[in-house]
C-alpha atoms as a PDB file:
ATOM      1  CA  MET A   1      -0.330  -0.332   0.335  1.00  0.00           C
ATOM      2  CA  LYS A   2       1.594   3.370  -0.543  1.00  0.00           C
ATOM      3  CA  ASN A   3       0.161   4.898   1.935  1.00  0.00           C
ATOM      4  CA  ASP A   4       1.873   2.770   4.673  1.00  0.00           C
ATOM      5  CA  THR A   5       4.530   3.879   7.225  1.00  0.00           C
ATOM      6  CA  PHE A   6       6.654   2.187  10.045  1.00  0.00           C
ATOM      7  CA  GLY A   7       3.942   3.529  12.343  1.00  0.00           C
ATOM      8  CA  LYS A   8       1.010   1.984  10.740  1.00  0.00           C
ATOM      9  CA  ARG A   9       2.821  -1.449  10.002  1.00  0.00           C
ATOM     10  CA  PHE A  10       4.353  -1.326  13.522  1.00  0.00           C
ATOM     11  CA  ARG A  11       0.521  -0.602  15.278  1.00  0.00           C
ATOM     12  CA  ALA A  12      -1.299  -3.309  12.496  1.00  0.00           C
ATOM     13  CA  LEU A  13       1.471  -6.353  13.729  1.00  0.00           C
ATOM     14  CA  ARG A  14       1.177  -5.043  17.243  1.00  0.00           C
ATOM     15  CA  THR A  15      -2.493  -5.476  17.438  1.00  0.00           C
ATOM     16  CA  GLN A  16      -2.531  -8.340  15.260  1.00  0.00           C
ATOM     17  CA  LYS A  17      -0.693 -10.208  17.981  1.00  0.00           C
ATOM     18  CA  GLY A  18      -2.940  -8.875  20.350  1.00  0.00           C
ATOM     19  CA  LEU A  19      -0.949  -6.620  22.789  1.00  0.00           C
ATOM     20  CA  THR A  20      -1.473  -3.222  23.977  1.00  0.00           C
ATOM     21  CA  GLN A  21       1.235  -0.183  23.771  1.00  0.00           C
ATOM     22  CA  GLU A  22       1.907  -0.975  27.623  1.00  0.00           C
ATOM     23  CA  LYS A  23       2.831  -4.648  26.937  1.00  0.00           C
ATOM     24  CA  ILE A  24       4.879  -4.084  24.120  1.00  0.00           C
ATOM     25  CA  ALA A  25       7.073  -1.645  25.852  1.00  0.00           C
ATOM     26  CA  ASP A  26       7.744  -3.930  28.548  1.00  0.00           C
ATOM     27  CA  ILE A  27       8.614  -6.599  25.828  1.00  0.00           C
ATOM     28  CA  PHE A  28      11.763  -3.587  24.673  1.00  0.00           C
ATOM     29  CA  TYR A  29      12.044  -1.863  27.893  1.00  0.00           C
ATOM     30  CA  LEU A  30      10.450   1.351  26.537  1.00  0.00           C
ATOM     31  CA  ASN A  31       8.228   3.712  27.852  1.00  0.00           C
ATOM     32  CA  THR A  32       4.647   3.571  25.656  1.00  0.00           C
ATOM     33  CA  SER A  33       5.030   7.656  25.154  1.00  0.00           C
ATOM     34  CA  SER A  34       8.240   5.734  22.599  1.00  0.00           C
ATOM     35  CA  ILE A  35       5.754   3.363  21.413  1.00  0.00           C
ATOM     36  CA  SER A  36       3.270   6.230  20.638  1.00  0.00           C
ATOM     37  CA  LYS A  37       5.597   8.383  18.934  1.00  0.00           C
ATOM     38  CA  TYR A  38       6.837   5.388  16.821  1.00  0.00           C
ATOM     39  CA  GLU A  39       2.825   4.247  16.208  1.00  0.00           C
ATOM     40  CA  LYS A  40       2.309   8.416  14.864  1.00  0.00           C
ATOM     41  CA  ASP A  41       4.907   8.300  12.835  1.00  0.00           C
ATOM     42  CA  LYS A  42       6.740  11.439  15.107  1.00  0.00           C
ATOM     43  CA  SER A  43      10.030   8.763  15.666  1.00  0.00           C
ATOM     44  CA  MET A  44      12.059   5.974  14.740  1.00  0.00           C
ATOM     45  CA  PRO A  45      13.489   3.274  16.497  1.00  0.00           C
ATOM     46  CA  GLU A  46      17.419   2.904  16.332  1.00  0.00           C
ATOM     47  CA  ILE A  47      18.404   0.379  14.034  1.00  0.00           C
ATOM     48  CA  ALA A  48      19.308  -2.247  16.276  1.00  0.00           C
ATOM     49  CA  LEU A  49      15.667  -1.940  17.726  1.00  0.00           C
ATOM     50  CA  LEU A  50      14.241  -2.011  14.385  1.00  0.00           C
ATOM     51  CA  ILE A  51      15.661  -5.290  14.273  1.00  0.00           C
ATOM     52  CA  GLN A  52      14.594  -6.545  17.622  1.00  0.00           C
ATOM     53  CA  ILE A  53      11.317  -5.409  16.813  1.00  0.00           C
ATOM     54  CA  ALA A  54      10.993  -7.369  12.780  1.00  0.00           C
ATOM     55  CA  ASP A  55      13.073 -10.140  14.873  1.00  0.00           C
ATOM     56  CA  PHE A  56      10.316  -9.849  17.619  1.00  0.00           C
ATOM     57  CA  PHE A  57       6.892  -9.960  14.601  1.00  0.00           C
ATOM     58  CA  GLY A  58       8.531 -12.554  11.911  1.00  0.00           C
ATOM     59  CA  VAL A  59       9.155  -9.831   9.639  1.00  0.00           C
ATOM     60  CA  SER A  60      11.534  -8.147   7.721  1.00  0.00           C
ATOM     61  CA  VAL A  61      13.049  -4.820   8.205  1.00  0.00           C
ATOM     62  CA  ASP A  62      12.614  -3.790   4.924  1.00  0.00           C
ATOM     63  CA  TYR A  63       8.633  -5.049   5.847  1.00  0.00           C
ATOM     64  CA  LEU A  64       8.514  -2.084   8.469  1.00  0.00           C
ATOM     65  CA  LEU A  65      10.277   0.518   6.436  1.00  0.00           C
ATOM     66  CA  CYS A  66       7.620  -0.201   3.895  1.00  0.00           C
ATOM     67  CA  ARG A  67      10.479  -1.346   1.351  1.00  0.00           C
ATOM     68  CA  THR A  68       8.716  -4.461   0.434  1.00  0.00           C
ATOM     69  CA  THR A  69       4.979  -5.414   0.744  1.00  0.00           C
ATOM     70  CA  CYS A  70       5.685  -8.647   1.526  1.00  0.00           C
ATOM     71  CA  PRO A  71       6.093  -9.109   5.460  1.00  0.00           C
ATOM     72  CA  LEU A  72       8.090 -12.540   4.804  1.00  0.00           C
ATOM     73  CA  LEU A  73      11.443 -12.843   7.024  1.00  0.00           C
ATOM     74  CA  LEU A  74      13.922 -14.757   4.810  1.00  0.00           C
ATOM     75  CA  ARG A  75      16.859 -16.832   6.733  1.00  0.00           C
ATOM     76  CA  PRO A  76      19.075 -18.511   4.438  1.00  0.00           C
ATOM     77  CA  ASP A  77      20.072 -20.621   7.539  1.00  0.00           C
ATOM     78  CA  ASN A  78      20.158 -24.309   7.132  1.00  0.00           C
ATOM     79  CA  GLY A  79      19.215 -24.049   3.439  1.00  0.00           C
ATOM     80  CA  ALA A  80      16.401 -21.471   2.242  1.00  0.00           C
ATOM     81  CA  SER A  81      13.929 -21.609   5.195  1.00  0.00           C
ATOM     82  CA  LEU A  82      10.884 -19.164   5.177  1.00  0.00           C
ATOM     83  CA  ILE A  83       9.505 -17.454   8.176  1.00  0.00           C
ATOM     84  CA  ASP A  84       5.456 -16.378   7.965  1.00  0.00           C
ATOM     85  CA  GLY A  85       3.939 -13.876   9.824  1.00  0.00           C
ATOM     86  CA  ASN A  86       3.241 -16.119  12.544  1.00  0.00           C
ATOM     87  CA  GLY A  87       6.862 -17.222  13.169  1.00  0.00           C
ATOM     88  CA  SER A  88       6.305 -20.739  11.531  1.00  0.00           C
ATOM     89  CA  PRO A  89       9.153 -22.085   8.907  1.00  0.00           C
ATOM     90  CA  HIS A  90       8.723 -23.404   5.315  1.00  0.00           C
ATOM     91  CA  LEU A  91      11.317 -25.421   4.217  1.00  0.00           C
ATOM     92  CA  LEU A  92      12.216 -23.984   0.201  1.00  0.00           C
ATOM     93  CA  ASP A  93      14.138 -25.889  -2.493  1.00  0.00           C
ATOM     94  CA  PRO A  94      16.376 -23.716  -4.420  1.00  0.00           C
ATOM     95  CA  GLN A  95      14.273 -22.722  -7.307  1.00  0.00           C
ATOM     96  CA  ALA A  96      11.621 -22.003  -4.921  1.00  0.00           C
ATOM     97  CA  PHE A  97      13.850 -19.658  -3.375  1.00  0.00           C
ATOM     98  CA  GLU A  98      15.053 -18.152  -6.725  1.00  0.00           C
ATOM     99  CA  THR A  99      11.795 -17.517  -7.984  1.00  0.00           C
ATOM    100  CA  LEU A 100      10.886 -15.733  -4.353  1.00  0.00           C
ATOM    101  CA  LEU A 101      13.719 -13.457  -4.427  1.00  0.00           C
ATOM    102  CA  SER A 102      12.940 -12.934  -8.267  1.00  0.00           C
ATOM    103  CA  TYR A 103       9.128 -12.049  -7.367  1.00  0.00           C
ATOM    104  CA  LEU A 104      10.508  -9.761  -4.211  1.00  0.00           C
ATOM    105  CA  ARG A 105      12.520  -7.613  -7.157  1.00  0.00           C
ATOM    106  CA  LEU A 106       9.841  -6.655  -9.082  1.00  0.00           C
ATOM    107  CA  PRO A 107       7.775  -3.244  -8.803  1.00  0.00           C
ATOM    108  CA  GLU A 108       5.417  -2.848  -6.241  1.00  0.00           C
ATOM    109  CA  ASP A 109       2.731  -2.541  -9.105  1.00  0.00           C
ATOM    110  CA  VAL A 110       3.576  -6.016 -10.727  1.00  0.00           C
ATOM    111  CA  GLN A 111       3.891  -7.502  -7.379  1.00  0.00           C
ATOM    112  CA  MET A 112      -0.021  -6.655  -6.821  1.00  0.00           C
ATOM    113  CA  GLU A 113      -0.646  -7.734  -9.954  1.00  0.00           C
ATOM    114  CA  ILE A 114       0.703 -11.337  -9.410  1.00  0.00           C
ATOM    115  CA  SER A 115      -0.637 -11.537  -6.015  1.00  0.00           C
ATOM    116  CA  ASP A 116      -4.526 -10.512  -7.527  1.00  0.00           C
ATOM    117  CA  PHE A 117      -4.278 -13.355 -10.445  1.00  0.00           C
ATOM    118  CA  ILE A 118      -3.323 -15.926  -7.673  1.00  0.00           C
ATOM    119  CA  SER A 119      -6.150 -14.644  -5.570  1.00  0.00           C
ATOM    120  CA  PHE A 120      -8.416 -15.259  -8.647  1.00  0.00           C
ATOM    121  CA  LYS A 121      -7.074 -18.677  -9.449  1.00  0.00           C
ATOM    122  CA  GLU A 122      -7.014 -19.836  -5.865  1.00  0.00           C
ATOM    123  CA  LYS A 123     -10.935 -18.938  -5.895  1.00  0.00           C
ATOM    124  CA  GLN A 124     -11.074 -20.869  -9.358  1.00  0.00           C
ATOM    125  CA  ARG A 125     -10.017 -23.814  -7.553  1.00  0.00           C
ATOM    126  CA  HIS A 126     -12.451 -23.954  -4.426  1.00  0.00           C
END
């Protein structure tokens, strides 16, 4: 989405997990005013904290920074594995991994077209 911001994505991830601002502040040893500023895009976390936030939610830093619409985190340890937003790992064979990387390199509008096509095909199957 073109109007996405770090704050919007951070808030969405927090609420998807059912966490309050107070709880997420406790988890990261912050005060609630910092969380509020992040969610309102009045402040940004430092790089080390940004990485911790991405790891906690199982998304990439690029997703948090709105550099990609794909929230999935790729980890090349022990072969290629894919971590979805729920933290569930999915092993990928090398060809699938390369296909996914090719998709992620595409412009956002092309990714959206592909996503729409996949949704269309999935609806046809059911």
